[in-house]
């Protein structure tokens, strides 16, 4: 059996304007500088789903504990990323499991 992280954090974003997707990706990639995750990536959604196309960008991160996830969200870089991305995004859906 493979060891799995305690917490997996996934966030889906849609852009208000498709032309803003690169800026959203750049703004979210700064979250990778926060030291609390075991694994972190930001990707543009490449799937063309016939039933939905709302998701433009995905953040995926893994954390050893809820405390590490909480520290990640408390980091000043997290707030800076929100400041950059929030005006450009429409939808944001987060899930932690």
N, C-alpha and C. Protein backbone atom coordinates (compact mmCIF):
# COMPACT_ATOMS: atom_id res chain seq x y z
N UNK A 1 0.84 -1.18 0.00
CA UNK A 1 0.00 0.00 0.00
C UNK A 1 0.89 1.25 0.00
N UNK A 2 0.53 2.22 -0.81
CA UNK A 2 1.28 3.46 -0.93
C UNK A 2 0.90 4.42 0.18
N UNK A 3 1.88 5.11 0.72
CA UNK A 3 1.63 6.13 1.74
C UNK A 3 0.93 7.33 1.08
N UNK A 4 -0.11 7.81 1.70
CA UNK A 4 -0.87 8.94 1.15
C UNK A 4 -0.76 10.11 2.10
N UNK A 5 -0.82 11.33 1.57
CA UNK A 5 -0.76 12.51 2.44
C UNK A 5 -2.00 12.56 3.33
N UNK A 6 -1.85 13.22 4.47
CA UNK A 6 -2.96 13.34 5.39
C UNK A 6 -4.06 14.23 4.81
N UNK A 7 -3.68 15.31 4.16
CA UNK A 7 -4.65 16.27 3.60
C UNK A 7 -4.30 16.56 2.15
N UNK A 8 -5.29 16.44 1.30
CA UNK A 8 -5.15 16.87 -0.10
C UNK A 8 -6.05 18.08 -0.30
N UNK A 9 -5.50 19.13 -0.87
CA UNK A 9 -6.17 20.42 -1.04
C UNK A 9 -6.29 20.68 -2.54
N UNK A 10 -7.52 20.80 -3.02
CA UNK A 10 -7.77 21.05 -4.44
C UNK A 10 -8.66 22.28 -4.57
N UNK A 11 -8.27 23.21 -5.43
CA UNK A 11 -9.05 24.41 -5.65
C UNK A 11 -9.22 24.62 -7.14
N UNK A 12 -10.46 24.85 -7.54
CA UNK A 12 -10.81 25.09 -8.94
C UNK A 12 -11.16 26.57 -9.11
N UNK A 13 -10.66 27.15 -10.20
CA UNK A 13 -10.91 28.56 -10.50
C UNK A 13 -11.44 28.71 -11.92
N UNK A 14 -12.31 29.69 -12.10
CA UNK A 14 -12.67 30.10 -13.45
C UNK A 14 -12.29 31.57 -13.58
N UNK A 15 -11.89 31.95 -14.78
CA UNK A 15 -11.49 33.33 -15.05
C UNK A 15 -12.69 34.14 -15.51
N UNK A 16 -12.74 35.41 -15.09
CA UNK A 16 -13.77 36.30 -15.62
C UNK A 16 -13.59 36.46 -17.12
N UNK A 17 -12.32 36.62 -17.52
CA UNK A 17 -11.95 36.76 -18.92
C UNK A 17 -10.90 35.70 -19.23
N UNK A 18 -11.08 34.95 -20.30
CA UNK A 18 -10.12 33.88 -20.65
C UNK A 18 -8.71 34.44 -20.84
N UNK A 19 -8.62 35.69 -21.25
CA UNK A 19 -7.30 36.31 -21.45
C UNK A 19 -6.54 36.50 -20.13
N UNK A 20 -7.23 36.39 -19.00
CA UNK A 20 -6.60 36.54 -17.69
C UNK A 20 -6.07 35.23 -17.12
N UNK A 21 -6.28 34.12 -17.80
CA UNK A 21 -5.83 32.82 -17.27
C UNK A 21 -4.33 32.81 -16.99
N UNK A 22 -3.46 33.29 -17.89
CA UNK A 22 -2.02 33.29 -17.55
C UNK A 22 -1.70 34.09 -16.28
N UNK A 23 -2.37 35.21 -16.07
CA UNK A 23 -2.13 36.02 -14.87
C UNK A 23 -2.63 35.29 -13.62
N UNK A 24 -3.73 34.56 -13.74
CA UNK A 24 -4.23 33.77 -12.62
C UNK A 24 -3.24 32.67 -12.28
N UNK A 25 -2.75 31.98 -13.29
CA UNK A 25 -1.75 30.92 -13.06
C UNK A 25 -0.52 31.50 -12.37
N UNK A 26 -0.03 32.62 -12.85
CA UNK A 26 1.15 33.26 -12.24
C UNK A 26 0.87 33.65 -10.79
N UNK A 27 -0.30 34.23 -10.53
CA UNK A 27 -0.66 34.63 -9.17
C UNK A 27 -0.78 33.46 -8.23
N UNK A 28 -1.28 32.34 -8.74
CA UNK A 28 -1.42 31.15 -7.90
C UNK A 28 -0.10 30.42 -7.70
N UNK A 29 0.78 30.49 -8.67
CA UNK A 29 2.08 29.81 -8.53
C UNK A 29 2.91 30.37 -7.40
N UNK A 30 2.66 31.62 -7.01
CA UNK A 30 3.43 32.17 -5.88
C UNK A 30 3.13 31.39 -4.60
N UNK A 31 1.99 30.69 -4.53
CA UNK A 31 1.67 29.86 -3.36
C UNK A 31 2.69 28.73 -3.19
N UNK A 32 3.36 28.34 -4.24
CA UNK A 32 4.37 27.30 -4.17
C UNK A 32 5.59 27.70 -3.34
N UNK A 33 5.73 29.01 -3.07
CA UNK A 33 6.83 29.49 -2.23
C UNK A 33 6.54 29.33 -0.74
N UNK A 34 5.32 28.97 -0.41
CA UNK A 34 4.96 28.74 1.00
C UNK A 34 5.49 27.35 1.38
N UNK A 35 6.26 27.25 2.46
CA UNK A 35 6.99 26.01 2.75
C UNK A 35 6.20 24.86 3.39
N UNK A 36 4.91 24.99 3.63
CA UNK A 36 4.20 23.99 4.44
C UNK A 36 3.68 22.79 3.67
N UNK A 37 3.66 22.82 2.35
CA UNK A 37 3.11 21.69 1.60
C UNK A 37 4.20 20.67 1.27
N UNK A 38 3.79 19.42 1.17
CA UNK A 38 4.69 18.35 0.73
C UNK A 38 4.79 18.34 -0.79
N UNK A 39 3.70 18.73 -1.43
CA UNK A 39 3.62 18.75 -2.89
C UNK A 39 2.70 19.90 -3.27
N UNK A 40 3.05 20.62 -4.35
CA UNK A 40 2.24 21.76 -4.78
C UNK A 40 2.36 21.91 -6.29
N UNK A 41 1.21 22.14 -6.94
CA UNK A 41 1.25 22.47 -8.37
C UNK A 41 0.02 23.28 -8.76
N UNK A 42 0.20 24.07 -9.80
CA UNK A 42 -0.87 24.84 -10.42
C UNK A 42 -0.88 24.45 -11.88
N UNK A 43 -2.06 24.14 -12.38
CA UNK A 43 -2.17 23.75 -13.79
C UNK A 43 -3.39 24.41 -14.43
N UNK A 44 -3.23 24.75 -15.69
CA UNK A 44 -4.37 25.19 -16.48
C UNK A 44 -5.15 23.94 -16.88
N UNK A 45 -6.47 24.01 -16.83
CA UNK A 45 -7.31 22.87 -17.17
C UNK A 45 -7.22 22.62 -18.68
N UNK A 46 -6.84 21.41 -19.06
CA UNK A 46 -6.71 21.08 -20.48
C UNK A 46 -7.86 20.22 -20.99
N UNK A 47 -8.74 19.80 -20.08
CA UNK A 47 -9.84 18.92 -20.47
C UNK A 47 -10.96 19.72 -21.13
N UNK A 48 -11.45 19.23 -22.22
CA UNK A 48 -12.63 19.79 -22.86
C UNK A 48 -13.80 18.87 -22.58
N UNK A 49 -14.58 19.23 -21.59
CA UNK A 49 -15.71 18.43 -21.16
C UNK A 49 -16.96 18.94 -21.86
N UNK A 50 -17.67 18.07 -22.51
CA UNK A 50 -18.88 18.46 -23.24
C UNK A 50 -19.97 18.97 -22.31
N UNK A 51 -19.94 18.59 -21.04
CA UNK A 51 -21.00 18.99 -20.11
C UNK A 51 -20.65 20.20 -19.25
N UNK A 52 -19.36 20.50 -19.13
CA UNK A 52 -18.97 21.66 -18.33
C UNK A 52 -17.61 22.18 -18.78
N UNK A 53 -17.47 23.46 -18.73
CA UNK A 53 -16.20 24.08 -19.10
C UNK A 53 -15.86 25.21 -18.17
N UNK A 54 -16.39 25.14 -16.95
CA UNK A 54 -16.24 26.25 -16.01
C UNK A 54 -14.85 26.37 -15.40
N UNK A 55 -14.14 25.26 -15.28
CA UNK A 55 -12.85 25.27 -14.58
C UNK A 55 -11.73 25.62 -15.55
N UNK A 56 -11.00 26.68 -15.22
CA UNK A 56 -9.87 27.12 -16.05
C UNK A 56 -8.52 26.77 -15.43
N UNK A 57 -8.43 26.81 -14.10
CA UNK A 57 -7.15 26.61 -13.41
C UNK A 57 -7.40 25.76 -12.17
N UNK A 58 -6.45 24.86 -11.87
CA UNK A 58 -6.55 24.00 -10.70
C UNK A 58 -5.29 24.13 -9.86
N UNK A 59 -5.47 24.26 -8.55
CA UNK A 59 -4.38 24.18 -7.58
C UNK A 59 -4.52 22.84 -6.87
N UNK A 60 -3.41 22.10 -6.78
CA UNK A 60 -3.39 20.84 -6.05
C UNK A 60 -2.21 20.87 -5.09
N UNK A 61 -2.48 20.59 -3.81
CA UNK A 61 -1.40 20.56 -2.82
C UNK A 61 -1.66 19.44 -1.83
N UNK A 62 -0.58 18.93 -1.25
CA UNK A 62 -0.66 17.89 -0.23
C UNK A 62 0.03 18.39 1.03
N UNK A 63 -0.60 18.07 2.18
CA UNK A 63 -0.10 18.52 3.47
C UNK A 63 -0.04 17.35 4.44
N UNK A 64 0.94 17.36 5.33
CA UNK A 64 1.10 16.31 6.33
C UNK A 64 0.01 16.35 7.39
N UNK A 65 -0.58 17.55 7.61
CA UNK A 65 -1.55 17.68 8.69
C UNK A 65 -2.44 18.90 8.45
N UNK A 66 -3.52 18.95 9.21
CA UNK A 66 -4.40 20.12 9.17
C UNK A 66 -3.64 21.35 9.63
N UNK A 67 -2.74 21.17 10.60
CA UNK A 67 -1.95 22.29 11.11
C UNK A 67 -1.08 22.89 10.01
N UNK A 68 -0.49 22.05 9.17
CA UNK A 68 0.34 22.55 8.05
C UNK A 68 -0.53 23.29 7.04
N UNK A 69 -1.73 22.79 6.76
CA UNK A 69 -2.65 23.47 5.85
C UNK A 69 -3.06 24.82 6.43
N UNK A 70 -3.33 24.86 7.72
CA UNK A 70 -3.70 26.11 8.40
C UNK A 70 -2.55 27.11 8.33
N UNK A 71 -1.32 26.65 8.54
CA UNK A 71 -0.15 27.54 8.46
C UNK A 71 0.03 28.06 7.04
N UNK A 72 -0.20 27.22 6.05
CA UNK A 72 -0.13 27.61 4.64
C UNK A 72 -1.10 28.75 4.36
N UNK A 73 -2.33 28.62 4.85
CA UNK A 73 -3.35 29.65 4.61
C UNK A 73 -3.08 30.93 5.41
N UNK A 74 -2.29 30.85 6.46
CA UNK A 74 -1.96 32.01 7.29
C UNK A 74 -0.74 32.77 6.78
N UNK A 75 -0.02 32.20 5.84
CA UNK A 75 1.21 32.82 5.33
C UNK A 75 0.90 34.09 4.55
N UNK A 76 1.71 35.14 4.68
CA UNK A 76 1.48 36.38 3.94
C UNK A 76 1.47 36.19 2.41
N UNK A 77 2.19 35.21 1.91
CA UNK A 77 2.19 34.95 0.47
C UNK A 77 0.78 34.52 0.02
N UNK A 78 0.08 33.80 0.87
CA UNK A 78 -1.29 33.38 0.56
C UNK A 78 -2.17 34.61 0.37
N UNK A 79 -2.04 35.57 1.26
CA UNK A 79 -2.83 36.81 1.15
C UNK A 79 -2.46 37.60 -0.10
N UNK A 80 -1.20 37.62 -0.45
CA UNK A 80 -0.76 38.32 -1.67
C UNK A 80 -1.33 37.64 -2.92
N UNK A 81 -1.35 36.33 -2.92
CA UNK A 81 -1.93 35.61 -4.05
C UNK A 81 -3.42 35.95 -4.20
N UNK A 82 -4.14 35.99 -3.08
CA UNK A 82 -5.56 36.37 -3.12
C UNK A 82 -5.71 37.76 -3.70
N UNK A 83 -4.87 38.69 -3.28
CA UNK A 83 -4.94 40.07 -3.77
C UNK A 83 -4.77 40.13 -5.29
N UNK A 84 -3.89 39.31 -5.83
CA UNK A 84 -3.63 39.30 -7.27
C UNK A 84 -4.75 38.58 -8.03
N UNK A 85 -5.18 37.44 -7.52
CA UNK A 85 -6.08 36.56 -8.28
C UNK A 85 -7.55 36.93 -8.14
N UNK A 86 -7.98 37.34 -6.98
CA UNK A 86 -9.41 37.58 -6.74
C UNK A 86 -10.07 38.49 -7.78
N UNK A 87 -9.46 39.60 -8.18
CA UNK A 87 -10.13 40.46 -9.17
C UNK A 87 -10.26 39.82 -10.55
N UNK A 88 -9.47 38.79 -10.83
CA UNK A 88 -9.45 38.16 -12.15
C UNK A 88 -10.33 36.93 -12.25
N UNK A 89 -10.69 36.37 -11.11
CA UNK A 89 -11.42 35.11 -11.12
C UNK A 89 -12.91 35.33 -10.91
N UNK A 90 -13.66 34.36 -11.40
CA UNK A 90 -15.10 34.36 -11.19
C UNK A 90 -15.42 33.34 -10.11
N UNK A 91 -15.35 32.07 -10.44
CA UNK A 91 -15.67 31.00 -9.50
C UNK A 91 -14.39 30.51 -8.80
N UNK A 92 -14.58 30.11 -7.54
CA UNK A 92 -13.53 29.44 -6.77
C UNK A 92 -14.21 28.38 -5.93
N UNK A 93 -13.80 27.14 -6.11
CA UNK A 93 -14.33 26.03 -5.30
C UNK A 93 -13.16 25.28 -4.72
N UNK A 94 -13.14 25.14 -3.40
CA UNK A 94 -12.05 24.45 -2.71
C UNK A 94 -12.57 23.19 -2.02
N UNK A 95 -11.73 22.18 -1.99
CA UNK A 95 -12.04 20.94 -1.27
C UNK A 95 -10.77 20.44 -0.59
N UNK A 96 -10.93 20.04 0.65
CA UNK A 96 -9.84 19.44 1.42
C UNK A 96 -10.31 18.07 1.89
N UNK A 97 -9.48 17.06 1.64
CA UNK A 97 -9.85 15.72 2.10
C UNK A 97 -8.62 14.93 2.46
